[in-house]
Amino acid sequence: MLCSRHFAEQIGVFGAGWKPGSLPRNGQMGTVVAEGDNGGTPVVAVRLDTQSASEGQVVIMEWPGLGKLPGTLAGAADVSGKVVALTERLFESDAFKDVQFRLSDGEEWAHRSVLAAASDAFAAMFSEPMKESSGGVIDLPDVDRVSTRIFLRLLYTGHVDPCDWQESQGSIMPLPMLMGCAKLAKKYLVSSVLEEVVEALKARLRSFKTHDTFDEILAAAIAADLQPVRHAALEAAKTSEAVKAAYDAGRLRPEVQFELTGLWPPPGGALRKRAR
């Protein structure tokens, strides 16, 4: 593997003005003229076009992933879109899928290689002499098909599609399905999916209208032990009169009531010694 400086020297573009991480400025366009590796992080050499203020200059920049390819490079959005379209086709087609998820209300299929690439837990599962490795079957009797499909689409593409849940629901993903997805992501250590779901739950906590919604989200986060969501819920509760009123009246679920004692005294008052 080549480090950034070595890579630059190899292609003959190392100059006095170059430094690791240099990027084309906003509005400048360029062409990738070479690519290499910087300790596991892909890097590319970009020659700025003749219309830029630094015409002809070649800069070296990290390329952490097609989904984050800077829009300043010509064709970047098109390349990213093509990759998403490819993974969508891969996900939608049942051809060559070799892992079956047996669920509470049906089944879903996926590619062993995709699962293993997305998760060390899946990779270990398929490399060990386990039932999942030999038979290609993963039994999840307490997980529904819709939640699993949402999870798999996120794993493959990084996106959700309302068509996965809209047959009987609205355009907003129902919380039970979102939490089901979170549980799968946490169980199989798929950090990319878990991060997306956690951010979605935190966003809902920032915009909830009733204490019932808050109650449902925090209860689910406690059950799944999603610490970032639990922390966000406590922050949201600090400024919510509706949640405070429901807490004082004891109208929240027991586990939520207990969680909120970290903010406020118990509604019944502090413990007192028995008079003698």
Protein backbone atom coordinates (compact mmCIF):
# COMPACT_ATOMS: atom_id res chain seq x y z
CA MET A 1 0.00 0.00 0.00
CA LEU A 2 1.20 3.51 -0.77
CA CYS A 3 1.05 6.43 1.61
CA SER A 4 -0.20 9.75 0.23
CA ARG A 5 3.27 11.30 -0.25
CA HIS A 6 4.73 8.15 -1.79
CA PHE A 7 1.72 7.86 -4.05
CA ALA A 8 2.12 11.49 -5.18
CA GLU A 9 5.82 10.97 -5.88
CA GLN A 10 5.09 7.82 -7.85
CA ILE A 11 2.85 9.68 -10.28
CA GLY A 12 5.14 12.72 -10.38
CA VAL A 13 2.76 15.36 -9.06
CA PHE A 14 4.32 16.22 -5.70
CA GLY A 15 4.90 19.97 -5.62
CA ALA A 16 5.62 22.69 -3.10
CA GLY A 17 1.97 23.70 -2.87
CA TRP A 18 0.65 20.20 -2.32
CA LYS A 19 -0.33 18.89 1.09
CA PRO A 20 -2.29 15.77 2.17
CA GLY A 21 -6.00 16.35 2.06
CA SER A 22 -5.90 19.22 -0.47
CA LEU A 23 -9.26 19.56 -2.18
CA PRO A 24 -10.50 21.47 -5.24
CA ARG A 25 -12.21 24.67 -4.09
CA ASN A 26 -15.95 25.14 -4.46
CA GLY A 27 -16.94 25.60 -8.07
CA GLN A 28 -13.77 24.06 -9.49
CA MET A 29 -14.04 20.96 -11.65
CA GLY A 30 -11.41 18.35 -12.27
CA THR A 31 -10.53 14.97 -13.70
CA VAL A 32 -9.28 11.97 -11.76
CA VAL A 33 -5.93 11.10 -13.33
CA ALA A 34 -4.71 8.40 -10.94
CA GLU A 35 -5.76 6.53 -7.84
CA GLY A 36 -4.05 4.77 -4.98
CA ASP A 37 -4.26 3.84 -1.31
CA ASN A 38 -3.42 5.74 1.89
CA GLY A 39 -3.23 3.25 4.73
CA GLY A 40 -6.54 1.67 3.79
CA THR A 41 -8.22 4.90 2.64
CA PRO A 42 -8.55 5.27 -1.16
CA VAL A 43 -7.02 8.48 -2.54
CA VAL A 44 -7.21 10.01 -6.01
CA ALA A 45 -5.15 12.54 -7.95
CA VAL A 46 -7.36 15.24 -9.45
CA ARG A 47 -6.19 17.57 -12.23
CA LEU A 48 -8.13 20.83 -12.05
CA ASP A 49 -9.60 21.93 -15.35
CA THR A 50 -8.37 24.91 -17.37
CA GLN A 51 -11.25 27.12 -16.28
CA SER A 52 -10.29 27.04 -12.61
CA ALA A 53 -8.12 29.56 -10.82
CA SER A 54 -5.43 26.87 -10.42
CA GLU A 55 -5.55 25.47 -13.92
CA GLY A 56 -3.49 22.37 -14.45
CA GLN A 57 -2.76 21.91 -10.74
CA VAL A 58 -3.00 18.33 -9.51
CA VAL A 59 -4.20 17.74 -5.95
CA ILE A 60 -4.45 14.55 -3.91
CA MET A 61 -7.65 13.92 -1.99
CA GLU A 62 -9.14 11.12 0.03
CA TRP A 63 -12.00 9.21 -1.57
CA PRO A 64 -13.78 7.56 1.41
CA GLY A 65 -16.69 6.21 -0.62
CA LEU A 66 -18.73 6.80 -3.73
CA GLY A 67 -21.66 8.00 -1.66
CA LYS A 68 -19.50 10.85 -0.32
CA LEU A 69 -17.66 11.69 -3.54
CA PRO A 70 -17.42 15.52 -3.60
CA GLY A 71 -19.74 17.18 -6.05
CA THR A 72 -16.86 19.36 -7.26
CA LEU A 73 -15.65 16.45 -9.39
CA ALA A 74 -17.21 16.19 -12.81
CA GLY A 75 -19.67 13.29 -12.95
CA ALA A 76 -19.55 12.59 -9.21
CA ALA A 77 -23.32 12.72 -8.72
CA ASP A 78 -23.83 10.54 -11.78
CA VAL A 79 -21.38 7.92 -10.50
CA SER A 80 -23.00 7.86 -7.06
CA GLY A 81 -26.45 7.53 -8.62
CA LYS A 82 -25.32 4.62 -10.74
CA VAL A 83 -23.96 2.81 -7.70
CA VAL A 84 -27.24 3.30 -5.82
CA ALA A 85 -29.19 2.07 -8.85
CA LEU A 86 -26.95 -1.00 -9.04
CA THR A 87 -27.44 -1.89 -5.38
CA GLU A 88 -31.19 -1.31 -5.72
CA ARG A 89 -31.32 -3.82 -8.59
CA LEU A 90 -29.23 -6.25 -6.59
CA PHE A 91 -31.60 -5.94 -3.64
CA GLU A 92 -34.82 -6.17 -5.65
CA SER A 93 -33.79 -9.22 -7.67
CA ASP A 94 -34.09 -12.63 -6.04
CA ALA A 95 -31.51 -14.11 -8.39
CA PHE A 96 -28.47 -15.60 -6.64
CA LYS A 97 -29.69 -14.79 -3.12
CA ASP A 98 -28.49 -17.62 -0.92
CA VAL A 99 -29.45 -16.70 2.67
CA GLN A 100 -33.00 -17.13 3.95
CA PHE A 101 -34.40 -15.18 6.90
CA ARG A 102 -37.27 -17.18 8.40
CA LEU A 103 -39.51 -14.67 10.16
CA SER A 104 -42.67 -14.52 12.24
CA ASP A 105 -44.84 -13.81 9.18
CA GLY A 106 -42.86 -14.98 6.17
CA GLU A 107 -39.36 -14.89 4.78
CA GLU A 108 -36.79 -12.61 3.14
CA TRP A 109 -33.68 -13.49 1.18
CA ALA A 110 -30.25 -11.85 0.84
CA HIS A 111 -26.80 -12.43 -0.61
CA ARG A 112 -24.32 -14.02 1.76
CA SER A 113 -21.46 -11.97 0.33
CA VAL A 114 -23.31 -8.66 0.83
CA LEU A 115 -24.23 -9.50 4.42
CA ALA A 116 -20.67 -10.56 5.23
CA ALA A 117 -19.24 -7.38 3.70
CA ALA A 118 -21.61 -5.21 5.74
CA SER A 119 -21.12 -6.92 9.10
CA ASP A 120 -18.35 -8.75 10.92
CA ALA A 121 -21.07 -10.62 12.82
CA PHE A 122 -22.53 -12.00 9.59
CA ALA A 123 -19.04 -12.78 8.29
CA ALA A 124 -18.21 -14.78 11.43
CA MET A 125 -21.57 -16.53 11.30
CA PHE A 126 -21.01 -17.73 7.74
CA SER A 127 -17.40 -18.78 8.32
CA GLU A 128 -18.08 -20.91 11.41
CA PRO A 129 -19.60 -24.41 11.36
CA MET A 130 -23.05 -23.16 12.33
CA LYS A 131 -26.52 -23.86 10.99
CA GLU A 132 -26.55 -20.49 9.23
CA SER A 133 -23.29 -21.33 7.47
CA SER A 134 -24.20 -24.80 6.29
CA GLY A 135 -27.88 -24.29 5.52
CA GLY A 136 -28.03 -20.60 4.72
CA VAL A 137 -31.03 -20.16 7.05
CA ILE A 138 -31.37 -17.56 9.81
CA ASP A 139 -34.34 -18.10 12.12
CA LEU A 140 -35.83 -14.92 13.62
CA PRO A 141 -39.25 -15.97 14.95
CA ASP A 142 -39.74 -12.69 16.86
CA VAL A 143 -39.04 -10.39 13.89
CA ASP A 144 -41.57 -9.43 11.20
CA ARG A 145 -40.97 -9.40 7.47
CA VAL A 146 -41.48 -5.66 6.91
CA SER A 147 -38.87 -4.67 9.51
CA THR A 148 -36.42 -7.15 8.00
CA ARG A 149 -37.00 -5.84 4.48
CA ILE A 150 -36.43 -2.25 5.63
CA PHE A 151 -33.24 -3.38 7.39
CA LEU A 152 -31.95 -5.21 4.32
CA ARG A 153 -32.74 -2.33 1.95
CA LEU A 154 -30.80 0.04 4.22
CA LEU A 155 -27.93 -2.44 4.39
CA TYR A 156 -27.77 -2.78 0.60
CA THR A 157 -28.50 0.78 -0.51
CA GLY A 158 -28.40 3.18 2.45
CA HIS A 159 -31.96 4.23 1.59
CA VAL A 160 -35.53 3.39 2.58
CA ASP A 161 -38.54 3.00 0.29
CA PRO A 162 -42.07 3.66 1.61
CA CYS A 163 -43.35 0.87 -0.63
CA ASP A 164 -41.89 -1.56 1.92
CA TRP A 165 -44.45 -0.55 4.55
CA GLN A 166 -47.12 1.49 2.77
CA GLU A 167 -49.64 -1.26 2.05
CA SER A 168 -51.38 -0.60 5.34
CA GLN A 169 -49.53 2.47 6.63
CA GLY A 170 -48.82 6.09 5.67
CA SER A 171 -45.67 7.59 4.21
CA ILE A 172 -43.99 7.87 7.64
CA MET A 173 -42.37 4.64 8.77
CA PRO A 174 -44.26 3.25 11.79
CA LEU A 175 -42.20 3.24 14.97
CA PRO A 176 -42.46 -0.54 15.59
CA MET A 177 -40.86 -1.18 12.20
CA LEU A 178 -38.17 1.42 12.79
CA MET A 179 -37.37 -0.19 16.13
CA GLY A 180 -37.41 -3.66 14.57
CA CYS A 181 -34.83 -2.42 12.09
CA ALA A 182 -32.75 -0.97 14.93
CA LYS A 183 -32.78 -4.27 16.82
CA LEU A 184 -31.55 -6.16 13.75
CA ALA A 185 -28.82 -3.61 13.09
CA LYS A 186 -27.63 -3.83 16.68
CA LYS A 187 -27.88 -7.62 16.83
CA TYR A 188 -25.75 -8.08 13.72
CA LEU A 189 -23.46 -5.06 14.27
CA VAL A 190 -24.40 -3.27 11.05
CA SER A 191 -23.21 0.17 12.11
CA SER A 192 -24.22 1.94 8.89
CA VAL A 193 -27.86 0.95 9.39
CA LEU A 194 -27.86 1.51 13.15
CA GLU A 195 -26.52 5.04 12.74
CA GLU A 196 -29.28 5.92 10.25
CA VAL A 197 -32.02 4.51 12.48
CA VAL A 198 -30.69 6.21 15.62
CA GLU A 199 -30.65 9.56 13.81
CA ALA A 200 -34.24 9.00 12.64
CA LEU A 201 -35.36 8.27 16.20
CA LYS A 202 -33.55 11.34 17.54
CA ALA A 203 -35.27 13.45 14.89
CA ARG A 204 -38.66 12.16 16.03
CA LEU A 205 -37.80 13.08 19.60
CA ARG A 206 -37.08 16.62 18.47
CA SER A 207 -40.51 16.96 16.87
CA PHE A 208 -42.96 14.87 18.92
CA LYS A 209 -46.36 16.47 19.61
CA THR A 210 -47.76 14.33 22.44
CA HIS A 211 -46.36 12.56 25.45
CA ASP A 212 -47.65 9.28 24.00
CA THR A 213 -45.14 9.48 21.15
CA PHE A 214 -42.33 10.27 23.57
CA ASP A 215 -43.44 7.39 25.81
CA GLU A 216 -43.41 4.93 22.91
CA ILE A 217 -40.00 5.96 21.60
CA LEU A 218 -38.25 5.95 24.97
CA ALA A 219 -39.82 2.63 26.00
CA ALA A 220 -38.62 1.05 22.75
CA ALA A 221 -35.14 2.56 23.18
CA ILE A 222 -34.93 1.17 26.71
CA ALA A 223 -36.00 -2.29 25.52
CA ALA A 224 -33.37 -2.27 22.76
CA ASP A 225 -30.77 -0.52 24.97
CA LEU A 226 -30.16 2.24 22.43
CA GLN A 227 -28.12 4.58 24.61
CA PRO A 228 -27.92 7.52 22.16
CA VAL A 229 -31.71 7.54 21.83
CA ARG A 230 -32.21 7.29 25.59
CA HIS A 231 -29.90 10.26 26.08
CA ALA A 232 -31.71 12.26 23.39
CA ALA A 233 -35.04 11.44 25.04
CA LEU A 234 -33.89 12.83 28.38
CA GLU A 235 -32.69 16.00 26.67
CA ALA A 236 -36.06 16.37 24.93
CA ALA A 237 -37.94 15.77 28.18
CA LYS A 238 -36.17 18.66 29.92
CA THR A 239 -38.07 21.23 27.86
CA SER A 240 -41.38 19.39 27.37
CA GLU A 241 -44.26 20.49 29.56
CA ALA A 242 -46.39 17.63 28.20
CA VAL A 243 -43.89 14.99 29.29
CA LYS A 244 -43.40 16.60 32.70
CA ALA A 245 -47.15 16.72 33.29
CA ALA A 246 -47.57 13.08 32.24
CA TYR A 247 -44.66 12.09 34.49
CA ASP A 248 -46.10 13.93 37.50
CA ALA A 249 -49.46 12.24 36.90
CA GLY A 250 -47.85 8.79 36.53
CA ARG A 251 -49.29 8.30 33.03
CA LEU A 252 -46.11 7.02 31.41
CA ARG A 253 -44.98 3.40 31.18
CA PRO A 254 -43.18 2.13 34.30
CA GLU A 255 -39.81 1.87 32.59
CA VAL A 256 -40.16 5.39 31.18
CA GLN A 257 -41.26 6.76 34.56
CA PHE A 258 -38.18 5.18 36.14
CA GLU A 259 -35.85 6.51 33.41
CA LEU A 260 -37.11 10.03 34.02
CA THR A 261 -36.22 9.88 37.71
CA GLY A 262 -32.77 10.79 36.43
CA LEU A 263 -34.26 14.23 35.70
CA TRP A 264 -36.94 14.79 38.31
CA PRO A 265 -37.84 13.53 41.81
CA PRO A 266 -40.32 10.64 41.94
CA PRO A 267 -43.91 11.92 41.64
CA GLY A 268 -44.73 10.51 45.07
CA GLY A 269 -41.91 12.44 46.70
CA ALA A 270 -38.59 11.34 48.15
CA LEU A 271 -38.32 8.27 50.37
CA ARG A 272 -38.89 9.08 54.03
CA LYS A 273 -37.92 7.22 57.17
CA ARG A 274 -40.76 5.65 59.14
CA ALA A 275 -41.58 7.62 62.26
CA ARG A 276 -40.96 5.74 65.51
